[in-house]
Amino acid sequence: MSEAQALPRGRRYYLRTLSMFGACLATTTAGTLYLFSTYGPALSRRLHLTSTQANVVAISATYGQQLSAPFFGWLADTVGPRVPSAFAALASFAAFSALAYTYQGTLALPSWLVLPLYMVMVGLAAQAANMAAVTTTTKNFKQNRGTAVSLCIAFFGLSPFVLSQVNTLFFTAGDQPDTFGYLRFLSFLGLGTSGLAMLSLSVVGFGPSRFRRDVPPGFVAAAPSDSSSGLLCDSASEGEEDEGRGLLEHGQPHGAASTPVAAYGATPKGSVQSAPGVLRLPAPSVGSATAAPQSAAGAADGLDYDTARDLGGMAFVRDPEARLLALVIFLCAGIGVFYSNNVGTMVNALYYSSTDSPDPSAAQRLINHHVAAVSLGSFGGRLVIGFVADTCKRVWLLPRSVILVVIVLGVALSQVVAGAAETLPVLLVGSALTGLSYGSMFGFMPTLVSVWFGTRHFGSNWGLLSASIGFSGQALGAFFGHVYDSNLPSQDPSQCARGSCYRDAFILSLGAGLLGLLVAVILVRRRGDRRRENRRQWEIEEVDPAPYIPFVLAE
């Protein structure tokens, strides 16, 4: 048992709560990645960037974030969350300070290609903070992991909304937006939030779970002795409970009878013999009429055939389901990145082409509203999807792969709405839907990875999967910039009536969403086959004679 799990229960809960607070602070820093639309148009005008160049600058942050994901995931797995958090604080402060002084003119700009380097640093800071937060939360929670991870990641989506409103209230009050002051504010924000996260994050572990399932194969859970509480212990004394806890935490190989087993009076399955304070019932035989009804996703007795395999390294890279999941993320998650980076350009085109006397501050406020819509949708998706997924799994035994299909379908629908928008109110709906689907995907995927492939190598695995987002986001963003520049050589947004200069770019994003939907449907089929195989193997082990260890209430 680890040192963290040996802590008293109250102390462990306190540290877990403090770590959850730190994780939310860390993802607040990570959320600054999506704020380019709030300062990007002003930066582009000041430095005379074309739409293609602005897209290269914006997507460089995504490259820095996603391509560094495997490294920061491994770092969080290996040395813990505090080193990545310290790096996030320093990198975020340095990157936004450099952008601020470059915008002001104090810091010389030998070439526009220096700007992508600053944005890469923004992405590195975001990924370091994100991996520290998500890895810590995943390893600290088990029973409600989906809800906990979603809450943590929700602040990733909420911070752009809050910070865009801060920009509206405090930095766009005059005739011209105070972009320099806003960038300086972001630099100190990253330093402060990641610094506090560094002090509060710690891997506590989920400790002894309520029902221990990590027992040797061949052992069966006894039926609950109390239907109201679901407890498996009857009236065991404190010493007997501790003995059972130690037995389960130091589980034995399949079929090995040793002293601890004998202490419980180990009996072959099929017979009933009471151990001190524990109710035992015979295991139902395979095919027995008394066996509990089961579904494709799980069993009425609580067994979950969608079990983790603790894959990592090359075994994870070679796994077909991991590759399919990476393809879904590549095709669909990049859509959210592309949209977040270009919504400012779309708003400018619709606003300047629909008014006779445009106001730059009014245009910036409209951009902030759309960034806020994307952010609020992302926050709602990240926050709700964990609870929804946990509820669907527990109540209706709905496979997680089916929930993934619904999320990907939402991604495709959001691109239909955004691409067809000819006015700002319709585009606002598209922004909210894009944020909702993107947030749902990012709130759900880490839980899915931890369930399908285990938590031992979670940081590295999630880092490898999310690294693909940078490539798809870059491809979609570059295509958008090419379409915009080709249809609007003058770079005058007032000539882009009803979004005609960029609408063709949504053909590619919609195609990517539909292809991702097809891959998700294939995953549903493969995961169904795996659950059936897991069930078959489980039933074979159930009838294999072996010493029996009862489940006991651990916490």
Protein backbone atom coordinates (compact mmCIF):
# COMPACT_ATOMS: atom_id res chain seq x y z
CA MET A 1 0.00 0.00 0.00
CA SER A 2 1.36 3.42 -0.96
CA GLU A 3 2.17 6.09 1.59
CA ALA A 4 -0.74 8.23 0.36
CA GLN A 5 -3.22 5.40 0.77
CA ALA A 6 -1.89 4.76 4.31
CA LEU A 7 -3.00 8.23 5.37
CA PRO A 8 -6.00 8.54 7.68
CA ARG A 9 -9.30 8.80 5.88
CA GLY A 10 -9.96 12.42 6.88
CA ARG A 11 -6.47 13.51 5.88
CA ARG A 12 -6.78 11.77 2.51
CA TYR A 13 -10.12 13.48 1.81
CA TYR A 14 -8.62 16.87 2.73
CA LEU A 15 -5.65 16.41 0.40
CA ARG A 16 -7.90 15.16 -2.37
CA THR A 17 -10.15 18.21 -2.05
CA LEU A 18 -7.14 20.53 -2.02
CA SER A 19 -5.76 18.80 -5.11
CA MET A 20 -9.11 19.20 -6.86
CA PHE A 21 -8.95 22.92 -6.15
CA GLY A 22 -5.41 23.04 -7.52
CA ALA A 23 -6.45 21.12 -10.62
CA CYS A 24 -9.17 23.68 -11.36
CA LEU A 25 -6.62 26.49 -10.99
CA ALA A 26 -4.20 24.69 -13.30
CA THR A 27 -6.78 24.26 -16.05
CA THR A 28 -7.59 27.96 -15.74
CA THR A 29 -4.06 28.61 -17.00
CA ALA A 30 -4.52 26.01 -19.72
CA GLY A 31 -7.69 27.76 -20.91
CA THR A 32 -5.72 30.84 -22.00
CA LEU A 33 -4.78 28.78 -25.06
CA TYR A 34 -8.22 29.51 -26.57
CA LEU A 35 -8.06 33.30 -26.16
CA PHE A 36 -6.26 34.09 -29.41
CA SER A 37 -9.47 35.43 -30.97
CA THR A 38 -9.70 38.07 -28.22
CA TYR A 39 -6.32 39.61 -29.05
CA GLY A 40 -5.39 38.02 -32.40
CA PRO A 41 -7.25 40.44 -34.71
CA ALA A 42 -5.70 43.49 -33.00
CA LEU A 43 -2.27 41.83 -33.09
CA SER A 44 -2.70 41.05 -36.78
CA ARG A 45 -3.68 44.63 -37.64
CA ARG A 46 -0.80 46.14 -35.65
CA LEU A 47 1.79 43.79 -37.21
CA HIS A 48 0.15 43.64 -40.69
CA LEU A 49 -0.41 39.87 -40.77
CA THR A 50 -2.42 38.17 -43.50
CA SER A 51 -5.14 35.66 -42.59
CA THR A 52 -2.83 32.76 -43.44
CA GLN A 53 -0.03 34.17 -41.29
CA ALA A 54 -2.46 34.78 -38.41
CA ASN A 55 -3.61 31.17 -38.68
CA VAL A 56 -0.02 29.95 -38.53
CA VAL A 57 0.55 32.06 -35.39
CA ALA A 58 -2.67 30.83 -33.75
CA ILE A 59 -2.21 27.16 -34.56
CA SER A 60 1.37 27.22 -33.27
CA ALA A 61 -0.06 27.31 -29.74
CA THR A 62 -1.99 24.14 -30.51
CA TYR A 63 1.16 22.52 -31.87
CA GLY A 64 3.02 23.43 -28.71
CA GLN A 65 0.19 22.05 -26.58
CA GLN A 66 -0.59 18.84 -28.39
CA LEU A 67 2.87 17.72 -29.51
CA SER A 68 4.21 18.16 -25.98
CA ALA A 69 1.36 16.09 -24.50
CA PRO A 70 3.27 12.75 -24.42
CA PHE A 71 6.22 14.37 -22.66
CA PHE A 72 4.20 16.21 -20.03
CA GLY A 73 2.00 13.15 -19.53
CA TRP A 74 5.07 11.04 -18.88
CA LEU A 75 6.48 13.76 -16.62
CA ALA A 76 3.27 13.89 -14.56
CA ASP A 77 3.27 10.08 -14.28
CA THR A 78 6.94 10.00 -13.26
CA VAL A 79 7.67 12.97 -10.99
CA GLY A 80 4.18 14.14 -10.07
CA PRO A 81 2.24 17.32 -10.85
CA ARG A 82 4.35 20.02 -9.21
CA VAL A 83 7.21 20.18 -11.73
CA PRO A 84 4.85 20.60 -14.73
CA SER A 85 2.89 23.24 -12.77
CA ALA A 86 6.05 25.23 -12.05
CA PHE A 87 6.99 25.11 -15.73
CA ALA A 88 3.47 26.26 -16.70
CA ALA A 89 3.72 29.30 -14.41
CA LEU A 90 7.05 30.48 -15.82
CA ALA A 91 6.30 29.69 -19.48
CA SER A 92 2.89 31.38 -19.44
CA PHE A 93 4.33 34.54 -17.87
CA ALA A 94 7.21 34.71 -20.35
CA ALA A 95 5.08 34.02 -23.45
CA PHE A 96 2.32 36.55 -22.81
CA SER A 97 4.84 39.17 -21.69
CA ALA A 98 6.72 38.72 -24.98
CA LEU A 99 3.47 39.06 -26.97
CA ALA A 100 2.53 42.20 -25.03
CA TYR A 101 5.82 44.00 -25.58
CA THR A 102 5.97 42.92 -29.22
CA TYR A 103 2.52 44.40 -29.75
CA GLN A 104 3.58 47.61 -28.01
CA GLY A 105 6.77 47.81 -30.08
CA THR A 106 9.17 47.70 -27.14
CA LEU A 107 10.38 44.23 -28.15
CA ALA A 108 11.73 44.24 -31.70
CA LEU A 109 10.16 41.85 -34.20
CA PRO A 110 12.77 40.82 -36.79
CA SER A 111 10.23 38.61 -38.57
CA TRP A 112 6.62 37.59 -38.07
CA LEU A 113 7.93 34.02 -37.69
CA VAL A 114 9.01 34.90 -34.15
CA LEU A 115 5.35 35.12 -33.13
CA PRO A 116 4.71 31.38 -33.60
CA LEU A 117 7.57 30.71 -31.16
CA TYR A 118 5.82 32.79 -28.50
CA MET A 119 2.58 30.93 -29.16
CA VAL A 120 4.36 27.57 -28.93
CA MET A 121 5.40 28.60 -25.42
CA VAL A 122 1.77 29.44 -24.63
CA GLY A 123 0.83 25.93 -25.78
CA LEU A 124 3.59 24.31 -23.73
CA ALA A 125 2.40 26.12 -20.61
CA ALA A 126 -1.20 25.09 -21.26
CA GLN A 127 -0.31 21.44 -21.75
CA ALA A 128 1.93 21.28 -18.68
CA ALA A 129 -0.86 22.71 -16.52
CA ASN A 130 -3.50 20.50 -18.13
CA MET A 131 -1.55 17.24 -17.75
CA ALA A 132 -0.67 18.01 -14.14
CA ALA A 133 -4.36 18.59 -13.36
CA VAL A 134 -5.98 15.76 -15.32
CA THR A 135 -3.43 13.09 -14.36
CA THR A 136 -3.70 13.97 -10.68
CA THR A 137 -7.51 13.95 -10.75
CA THR A 138 -7.67 10.64 -12.62
CA LYS A 139 -5.40 8.95 -10.09
CA ASN A 140 -7.22 10.43 -7.07
CA PHE A 141 -10.75 9.32 -8.00
CA LYS A 142 -12.24 5.97 -8.95
CA GLN A 143 -15.96 5.62 -8.26
CA ASN A 144 -16.89 9.07 -9.62
CA ARG A 145 -13.91 9.55 -11.89
CA GLY A 146 -15.97 10.75 -14.85
CA THR A 147 -17.61 13.52 -12.82
CA ALA A 148 -14.35 14.56 -11.13
CA VAL A 149 -12.36 14.71 -14.37
CA SER A 150 -15.17 16.60 -16.09
CA LEU A 151 -15.27 19.19 -13.31
CA CYS A 152 -11.52 19.67 -13.59
CA ILE A 153 -11.58 19.98 -17.38
CA ALA A 154 -14.66 22.21 -17.25
CA PHE A 155 -12.50 25.06 -15.97
CA PHE A 156 -10.37 24.59 -19.08
CA GLY A 157 -13.47 25.56 -21.06
CA LEU A 158 -14.80 28.15 -18.61
CA SER A 159 -11.70 30.31 -18.32
CA PRO A 160 -11.93 31.69 -21.91
CA PHE A 161 -15.49 32.84 -21.15
CA VAL A 162 -14.50 34.58 -17.93
CA LEU A 163 -11.37 36.12 -19.41
CA SER A 164 -13.16 37.31 -22.55
CA GLN A 165 -15.67 39.09 -20.30
CA VAL A 166 -12.79 40.60 -18.34
CA ASN A 167 -11.45 41.87 -21.66
CA THR A 168 -14.84 43.37 -22.52
CA LEU A 169 -15.31 45.08 -19.17
CA PHE A 170 -11.82 46.39 -18.49
CA PHE A 171 -9.84 46.50 -21.74
CA THR A 172 -12.32 47.58 -24.44
CA ALA A 173 -14.05 50.46 -22.64
CA GLY A 174 -12.55 53.21 -24.84
CA ASP A 175 -12.54 53.85 -28.55
CA GLN A 176 -9.61 51.45 -29.04
CA PRO A 177 -9.11 48.15 -27.15
CA ASP A 178 -6.19 48.04 -24.69
CA THR A 179 -4.60 44.88 -26.10
CA PHE A 180 -1.25 45.52 -24.39
CA GLY A 181 -2.83 45.74 -20.94
CA TYR A 182 -4.88 42.60 -21.62
CA LEU A 183 -1.81 40.57 -22.60
CA ARG A 184 0.05 41.75 -19.50
CA PHE A 185 -2.92 40.71 -17.38
CA LEU A 186 -2.81 37.20 -18.94
CA SER A 187 0.89 36.90 -18.15
CA PHE A 188 0.38 37.56 -14.43
CA LEU A 189 -2.72 35.36 -14.36
CA GLY A 190 -0.76 32.35 -15.62
CA LEU A 191 2.01 32.97 -13.13
CA GLY A 192 -0.40 33.18 -10.19
CA THR A 193 -2.79 30.30 -10.95
CA SER A 194 -0.12 27.78 -11.90
CA GLY A 195 1.97 28.83 -8.91
CA LEU A 196 -0.93 28.09 -6.55
CA ALA A 197 -1.59 24.80 -8.37
CA MET A 198 2.03 23.80 -7.82
CA LEU A 199 1.53 24.20 -4.05
CA SER A 200 -1.79 22.35 -3.83
CA LEU A 201 -1.61 19.47 -6.32
CA SER A 202 -0.66 16.03 -5.00
CA VAL A 203 -1.42 12.43 -6.00
CA VAL A 204 -3.33 11.01 -3.03
CA GLY A 205 -4.75 7.93 -4.76
CA PHE A 206 -8.31 6.72 -4.39
CA GLY A 207 -7.39 4.52 -1.42
CA PRO A 208 -9.37 1.42 -0.51
CA SER A 209 -12.51 1.49 -2.62
CA ARG A 210 -15.99 0.70 -1.39
CA PHE A 211 -16.04 -2.57 -3.29
CA ARG A 212 -12.61 -3.95 -4.09
CA ARG A 213 -12.57 -5.51 -7.54
CA ASP A 214 -8.80 -5.80 -8.04
CA VAL A 215 -8.76 -9.33 -6.58
CA PRO A 216 -7.20 -12.46 -8.08
CA PRO A 217 -9.15 -13.97 -11.00
CA GLY A 218 -11.54 -16.70 -9.95
CA PHE A 219 -12.90 -15.04 -6.83
CA VAL A 220 -16.53 -13.97 -6.67
CA ALA A 221 -18.17 -11.17 -4.72
CA ALA A 222 -20.56 -12.30 -2.05
CA ALA A 223 -24.13 -11.03 -2.26
CA PRO A 224 -24.84 -7.90 -0.23
CA SER A 225 -26.07 -8.53 3.29
CA ASP A 226 -27.81 -5.17 3.47
CA SER A 227 -29.87 -4.17 0.45
CA SER A 228 -30.13 -0.57 1.52
CA SER A 229 -26.42 0.05 1.86
CA GLY A 230 -24.95 -2.61 -0.39
CA LEU A 231 -22.39 -3.46 2.31
CA LEU A 232 -20.70 -6.81 2.22
CA CYS A 233 -19.65 -6.78 5.86
CA ASP A 234 -22.09 -7.88 8.54
CA SER A 235 -20.82 -7.07 12.00
CA ALA A 236 -17.08 -7.39 11.72
CA SER A 237 -14.98 -5.82 14.39
CA GLU A 238 -12.44 -3.15 13.57
CA GLY A 239 -9.59 -5.61 13.71
CA GLU A 240 -11.32 -8.06 11.41
CA GLU A 241 -12.12 -5.29 8.93
CA ASP A 242 -8.48 -4.19 8.89
CA GLU A 243 -7.43 -7.79 8.33
CA GLY A 244 -9.76 -8.08 5.34
CA ARG A 245 -8.58 -4.76 3.98
CA GLY A 246 -4.96 -5.83 4.10
CA LEU A 247 -5.84 -9.14 2.49
CA LEU A 248 -7.53 -7.48 -0.46
CA GLU A 249 -4.91 -4.80 -0.91
CA HIS A 250 -2.19 -7.43 -1.14
CA GLY A 251 -4.11 -9.82 -3.43
CA GLN A 252 -2.60 -13.17 -4.33
CA PRO A 253 -2.06 -14.97 -7.62
CA HIS A 254 -4.92 -17.01 -9.02
CA GLY A 255 -5.31 -20.28 -7.25
CA ALA A 256 -2.70 -19.62 -4.56
CA ALA A 257 -3.84 -20.63 -1.08
CA SER A 258 -1.81 -18.97 1.63
CA THR A 259 -2.04 -18.05 5.27
CA PRO A 260 -4.29 -15.00 4.87
CA VAL A 261 -6.77 -17.07 2.88
CA ALA A 262 -6.78 -19.75 5.52
CA ALA A 263 -7.51 -17.12 8.12
CA TYR A 264 -10.79 -16.53 6.38
CA GLY A 265 -11.54 -20.21 6.12
CA ALA A 266 -11.09 -20.45 2.36
CA THR A 267 -13.60 -22.75 0.79
CA PRO A 268 -13.99 -23.89 -2.83
CA LYS A 269 -16.76 -22.11 -4.64
CA GLY A 270 -20.06 -23.79 -4.57
CA SER A 271 -20.24 -24.19 -0.81
CA VAL A 272 -21.32 -21.83 1.93
CA GLN A 273 -19.12 -21.24 4.94
CA SER A 274 -19.22 -18.17 7.13
CA ALA A 275 -16.08 -16.25 7.97
CA PRO A 276 -16.06 -13.86 10.89
CA GLY A 277 -18.36 -10.95 10.10
CA VAL A 278 -18.73 -11.83 6.37
CA LEU A 279 -21.73 -13.30 4.60
CA ARG A 280 -20.82 -15.79 1.84
CA LEU A 281 -23.05 -17.19 -0.81
CA PRO A 282 -22.25 -19.78 -3.48
CA ALA A 283 -21.38 -18.41 -6.90
CA PRO A 284 -23.95 -19.07 -9.63
CA SER A 285 -22.76 -21.51 -12.22
CA VAL A 286 -22.37 -20.55 -15.85
CA GLY A 287 -25.66 -20.81 -17.64
CA SER A 288 -27.53 -21.21 -14.38
CA ALA A 289 -31.11 -20.03 -14.34
CA THR A 290 -30.36 -18.08 -11.17
CA ALA A 291 -27.55 -16.06 -12.73
CA ALA A 292 -28.11 -12.33 -12.67
CA PRO A 293 -29.34 -10.82 -15.94
CA GLN A 294 -26.59 -9.08 -17.85
CA SER A 295 -26.36 -6.65 -20.71
CA ALA A 296 -23.76 -5.79 -23.30
CA ALA A 297 -22.31 -3.07 -21.11
CA GLY A 298 -22.31 -4.72 -17.71
CA ALA A 299 -24.19 -6.92 -15.31
CA ALA A 300 -26.99 -6.43 -12.84
CA ASP A 301 -24.66 -7.73 -10.10
CA GLY A 302 -22.31 -4.79 -10.71
CA LEU A 303 -19.70 -6.48 -12.90
CA ASP A 304 -18.36 -4.21 -15.60
CA TYR A 305 -17.12 -6.09 -18.65
CA ASP A 306 -15.71 -2.85 -20.10
CA THR A 307 -12.66 -3.36 -17.90
CA ALA A 308 -9.28 -1.66 -18.20
CA ARG A 309 -6.19 -3.53 -19.40
CA ASP A 310 -3.45 -1.23 -18.08
CA LEU A 311 -1.77 -0.83 -21.46
CA GLY A 312 1.18 1.49 -21.94
CA GLY A 313 4.13 2.11 -24.21
CA MET A 314 4.30 0.19 -27.46
CA ALA A 315 1.51 -2.16 -26.36
CA PHE A 316 -0.78 0.88 -26.27
CA VAL A 317 0.50 2.24 -29.59
CA ARG A 318 -0.08 -1.12 -31.32
CA ASP A 319 -3.57 -1.62 -29.87
CA PRO A 320 -6.23 -1.32 -32.63
CA GLU A 321 -8.77 0.37 -30.35
CA ALA A 322 -6.21 2.95 -29.25
CA ARG A 323 -5.49 3.72 -32.90
CA LEU A 324 -9.17 4.08 -33.75
CA LEU A 325 -9.68 6.35 -30.75
CA ALA A 326 -6.71 8.46 -31.85
CA LEU A 327 -8.30 8.76 -35.31
CA VAL A 328 -11.58 9.98 -33.80
CA ILE A 329 -9.72 12.61 -31.77
CA PHE A 330 -7.64 13.62 -34.80
CA LEU A 331 -10.70 14.13 -36.98
CA CYS A 332 -13.09 15.75 -34.49
CA ALA A 333 -11.15 17.54 -31.76
CA GLY A 334 -9.18 19.58 -34.32
CA ILE A 335 -12.48 21.11 -35.43
CA GLY A 336 -12.86 22.86 -32.10
CA VAL A 337 -9.31 24.20 -32.27
CA PHE A 338 -9.79 25.47 -35.82
CA TYR A 339 -13.07 27.18 -34.94
CA SER A 340 -11.74 28.83 -31.78
CA ASN A 341 -8.80 30.30 -33.66
CA ASN A 342 -10.89 31.68 -36.55
CA VAL A 343 -14.18 32.77 -35.01
CA GLY A 344 -12.77 36.31 -34.66
CA THR A 345 -12.15 36.49 -38.40
CA MET A 346 -15.66 35.23 -39.12
CA VAL A 347 -17.27 37.77 -36.77
CA ASN A 348 -15.28 40.61 -38.33
CA ALA A 349 -16.38 39.54 -41.82
CA LEU A 350 -20.07 39.41 -40.90
CA TYR A 351 -19.96 42.63 -38.88
CA TYR A 352 -17.99 44.85 -41.25
CA SER A 353 -19.99 43.66 -44.27
CA SER A 354 -23.34 44.41 -42.59
CA THR A 355 -22.78 47.91 -41.20
CA ASP A 356 -22.07 51.25 -42.87
CA SER A 357 -20.08 52.78 -40.00
CA PRO A 358 -18.14 50.02 -38.23
CA ASP A 359 -16.62 50.58 -34.79
CA PRO A 360 -13.44 48.58 -33.90
CA SER A 361 -14.39 48.44 -30.21
CA ALA A 362 -17.88 47.20 -31.07
CA ALA A 363 -16.33 44.56 -33.34
CA GLN A 364 -14.05 43.46 -30.52
CA ARG A 365 -16.99 43.19 -28.13
CA LEU A 366 -18.83 41.00 -30.64
CA ILE A 367 -15.76 38.80 -30.94
CA ASN A 368 -15.64 38.52 -27.16
CA HIS A 369 -19.31 37.46 -27.12
CA HIS A 370 -18.62 34.65 -29.58
CA VAL A 371 -15.53 33.54 -27.70
CA ALA A 372 -17.69 33.56 -24.56
CA ALA A 373 -20.32 31.43 -26.33
CA VAL A 374 -17.69 28.89 -27.38
CA SER A 375 -16.27 28.93 -23.86
CA LEU A 376 -19.64 28.55 -22.10
CA GLY A 377 -20.62 25.72 -24.43
CA SER A 378 -17.27 24.05 -23.81
CA PHE A 379 -17.64 24.51 -20.06
CA GLY A 380 -21.15 23.05 -20.09
CA GLY A 381 -20.08 20.08 -22.19
CA ARG A 382 -17.05 19.31 -20.05
CA LEU A 383 -18.99 19.71 -16.81
CA VAL A 384 -22.11 17.73 -17.72
CA ILE A 385 -20.69 14.92 -19.86
CA GLY A 386 -18.95 13.19 -16.94
CA PHE A 387 -22.13 13.07 -14.86
CA VAL A 388 -24.20 12.00 -17.88
CA ALA A 389 -21.73 9.25 -18.82
CA ASP A 390 -21.52 7.95 -15.24
CA THR A 391 -25.33 7.94 -14.94
CA CYS A 392 -25.88 6.24 -18.29
CA LYS A 393 -23.34 3.59 -17.40
CA ARG A 394 -24.70 2.87 -13.91
CA VAL A 395 -28.44 3.21 -14.49
CA TRP A 396 -28.96 2.09 -18.08
CA LEU A 397 -25.70 0.15 -18.55
CA LEU A 398 -25.10 2.15 -21.74
CA PRO A 399 -21.67 1.43 -23.24
CA ARG A 400 -19.26 4.34 -23.23
CA SER A 401 -18.57 3.80 -26.91
CA VAL A 402 -22.22 4.68 -27.67
CA ILE A 403 -21.85 7.95 -25.75
CA LEU A 404 -18.80 8.68 -27.93
CA VAL A 405 -20.94 8.30 -31.08
CA VAL A 406 -23.46 10.83 -29.76
CA ILE A 407 -20.68 13.34 -29.02
CA VAL A 408 -19.13 12.97 -32.49
CA LEU A 409 -22.57 13.41 -34.07
CA GLY A 410 -22.85 16.71 -32.19
CA VAL A 411 -19.50 17.81 -33.64
CA ALA A 412 -20.75 17.23 -37.19
CA LEU A 413 -24.04 19.06 -36.55
CA SER A 414 -22.23 22.09 -35.14
CA GLN A 415 -20.31 22.49 -38.40
CA VAL A 416 -23.53 22.41 -40.40
CA VAL A 417 -24.94 25.29 -38.35
CA ALA A 418 -21.74 27.38 -38.30
CA GLY A 419 -21.08 26.88 -42.01
CA ALA A 420 -24.61 27.89 -42.99
CA ALA A 421 -24.61 31.05 -40.79
CA GLU A 422 -25.12 34.29 -42.76
CA THR A 423 -25.81 36.56 -39.77
CA LEU A 424 -24.15 37.06 -36.41
CA PRO A 425 -27.04 35.62 -34.32
CA VAL A 426 -26.97 32.34 -36.28
CA LEU A 427 -23.19 32.22 -36.03
CA LEU A 428 -23.57 32.68 -32.26
CA VAL A 429 -25.66 29.49 -32.16
CA GLY A 430 -22.96 27.72 -34.18
CA SER A 431 -20.32 28.97 -31.75
CA ALA A 432 -22.26 27.62 -28.76
CA LEU A 433 -22.84 24.22 -30.43
CA THR A 434 -19.19 23.94 -31.46
CA GLY A 435 -18.09 24.72 -27.92
CA LEU A 436 -20.59 22.24 -26.45
CA SER A 437 -19.53 19.36 -28.69
CA TYR A 438 -15.82 20.15 -28.34
CA GLY A 439 -16.10 20.41 -24.57
CA SER A 440 -18.07 17.17 -24.34
CA MET A 441 -15.38 15.36 -26.29
CA PHE A 442 -12.54 16.71 -24.15
CA GLY A 443 -14.47 16.09 -20.94
CA PHE A 444 -15.27 12.50 -21.91
CA MET A 445 -12.09 11.31 -23.59
CA PRO A 446 -9.77 11.25 -20.54
CA THR A 447 -12.27 9.12 -18.60
CA LEU A 448 -12.66 6.83 -21.60
CA VAL A 449 -8.88 6.38 -21.89
CA SER A 450 -8.54 5.61 -18.16
CA VAL A 451 -11.37 3.05 -18.29
CA TRP A 452 -10.30 1.27 -21.47
CA PHE A 453 -6.53 1.34 -20.92
CA GLY A 454 -6.03 1.81 -17.16
CA THR A 455 -4.59 4.56 -14.97
CA ARG A 456 -1.03 3.27 -14.50
CA HIS A 457 0.15 4.90 -17.75
CA PHE A 458 -2.74 7.35 -18.11
CA GLY A 459 -0.64 10.50 -18.50
CA SER A 460 1.48 9.01 -21.28
CA ASN A 461 -1.50 7.41 -23.04
CA TRP A 462 -3.66 10.53 -22.98
CA GLY A 463 -0.69 12.57 -24.09
CA LEU A 464 -0.10 10.35 -27.11
CA LEU A 465 -3.76 10.44 -28.13
CA SER A 466 -4.19 14.19 -27.78
CA ALA A 467 -0.97 14.90 -29.72
CA SER A 468 -2.85 14.28 -32.98
CA ILE A 469 -5.13 17.30 -32.45
CA GLY A 470 -2.42 19.76 -33.48
CA PHE A 471 -2.12 18.28 -36.95
CA SER A 472 -5.84 18.31 -37.73
CA GLY A 473 -6.28 21.78 -36.25
CA GLN A 474 -3.38 23.04 -38.37
CA ALA A 475 -4.77 21.45 -41.53
CA LEU A 476 -8.26 22.89 -41.03
CA GLY A 477 -6.90 26.30 -40.02
CA ALA A 478 -4.55 26.44 -43.02
CA PHE A 479 -7.42 25.49 -45.34
CA PHE A 480 -9.58 28.22 -43.82
CA GLY A 481 -6.81 30.80 -44.31
CA HIS A 482 -6.29 29.67 -47.92
CA VAL A 483 -10.01 29.95 -48.72
CA TYR A 484 -10.28 33.35 -47.03
CA ASP A 485 -7.20 34.80 -48.74
CA SER A 486 -8.22 33.40 -52.14
CA ASN A 487 -11.73 34.88 -51.98
CA LEU A 488 -10.66 38.15 -50.33
CA PRO A 489 -7.24 39.25 -51.66
CA SER A 490 -7.76 42.77 -50.34
CA GLN A 491 -8.14 41.48 -46.76
CA ASP A 492 -11.07 43.91 -46.40
CA PRO A 493 -13.75 42.14 -44.30
CA SER A 494 -16.43 44.59 -45.51
CA GLN A 495 -16.27 42.85 -48.91
CA CYS A 496 -17.15 39.44 -47.43
CA ALA A 497 -20.94 39.54 -47.71
CA ARG A 498 -22.74 36.94 -45.54
CA GLY A 499 -19.56 34.98 -44.94
CA SER A 500 -19.11 34.04 -48.60
CA CYS A 501 -15.33 34.47 -48.38
CA TYR A 502 -14.82 31.61 -45.87
CA ARG A 503 -17.89 29.34 -46.12
CA ASP A 504 -16.20 26.75 -48.33
CA ALA A 505 -13.76 26.00 -45.49
CA PHE A 506 -16.58 24.31 -43.57
CA ILE A 507 -16.88 21.63 -46.25
CA LEU A 508 -13.61 20.13 -45.03
CA SER A 509 -14.49 20.42 -41.33
CA LEU A 510 -17.89 18.79 -41.91
CA GLY A 511 -16.25 15.99 -43.89
CA ALA A 512 -13.81 15.38 -41.03
CA GLY A 513 -16.71 15.21 -38.55
CA LEU A 514 -18.63 12.69 -40.67
CA LEU A 515 -15.56 10.51 -41.11
CA GLY A 516 -14.99 10.64 -37.35
CA LEU A 517 -18.59 9.51 -36.86
CA LEU A 518 -17.94 6.47 -39.06
CA VAL A 519 -14.84 5.54 -37.05
CA ALA A 520 -16.78 5.93 -33.78
CA VAL A 521 -19.45 3.51 -35.05
CA ILE A 522 -16.70 0.98 -35.85
CA LEU A 523 -15.43 1.41 -32.28
CA VAL A 524 -18.89 0.58 -30.93
CA ARG A 525 -18.76 -2.75 -32.76
CA ARG A 526 -15.23 -3.58 -31.57
CA ARG A 527 -15.96 -2.67 -27.96
CA GLY A 528 -19.09 -4.84 -28.05
CA ASP A 529 -16.98 -7.80 -29.15
CA ARG A 530 -14.45 -7.09 -26.40
CA ARG A 531 -17.13 -6.93 -23.70
CA ARG A 532 -18.54 -10.26 -24.81
CA GLU A 533 -15.06 -11.79 -24.73
CA ASN A 534 -14.42 -10.32 -21.27
CA ARG A 535 -17.68 -11.82 -20.07
CA ARG A 536 -16.78 -15.22 -21.48
CA GLN A 537 -13.36 -15.17 -19.81
CA TRP A 538 -14.90 -14.00 -16.53
CA GLU A 539 -17.39 -16.87 -16.55
CA ILE A 540 -14.62 -19.40 -17.27
CA GLU A 541 -12.73 -18.14 -14.24
CA GLU A 542 -15.88 -18.22 -12.12
CA VAL A 543 -16.26 -22.00 -12.48
CA ASP A 544 -12.55 -22.71 -12.12
CA PRO A 545 -12.04 -24.12 -8.56
CA ALA A 546 -9.95 -21.72 -6.53
CA PRO A 547 -9.65 -20.51 -2.95
CA TYR A 548 -12.26 -17.87 -2.21
CA ILE A 549 -11.60 -14.42 -0.76
CA PRO A 550 -14.73 -12.47 0.23
CA PHE A 551 -15.23 -8.81 -0.62
CA VAL A 552 -15.28 -6.60 2.44
CA LEU A 553 -16.24 -3.00 3.01
CA ALA A 554 -13.00 -1.03 2.86
CA GLU A 555 -14.22 2.51 3.18
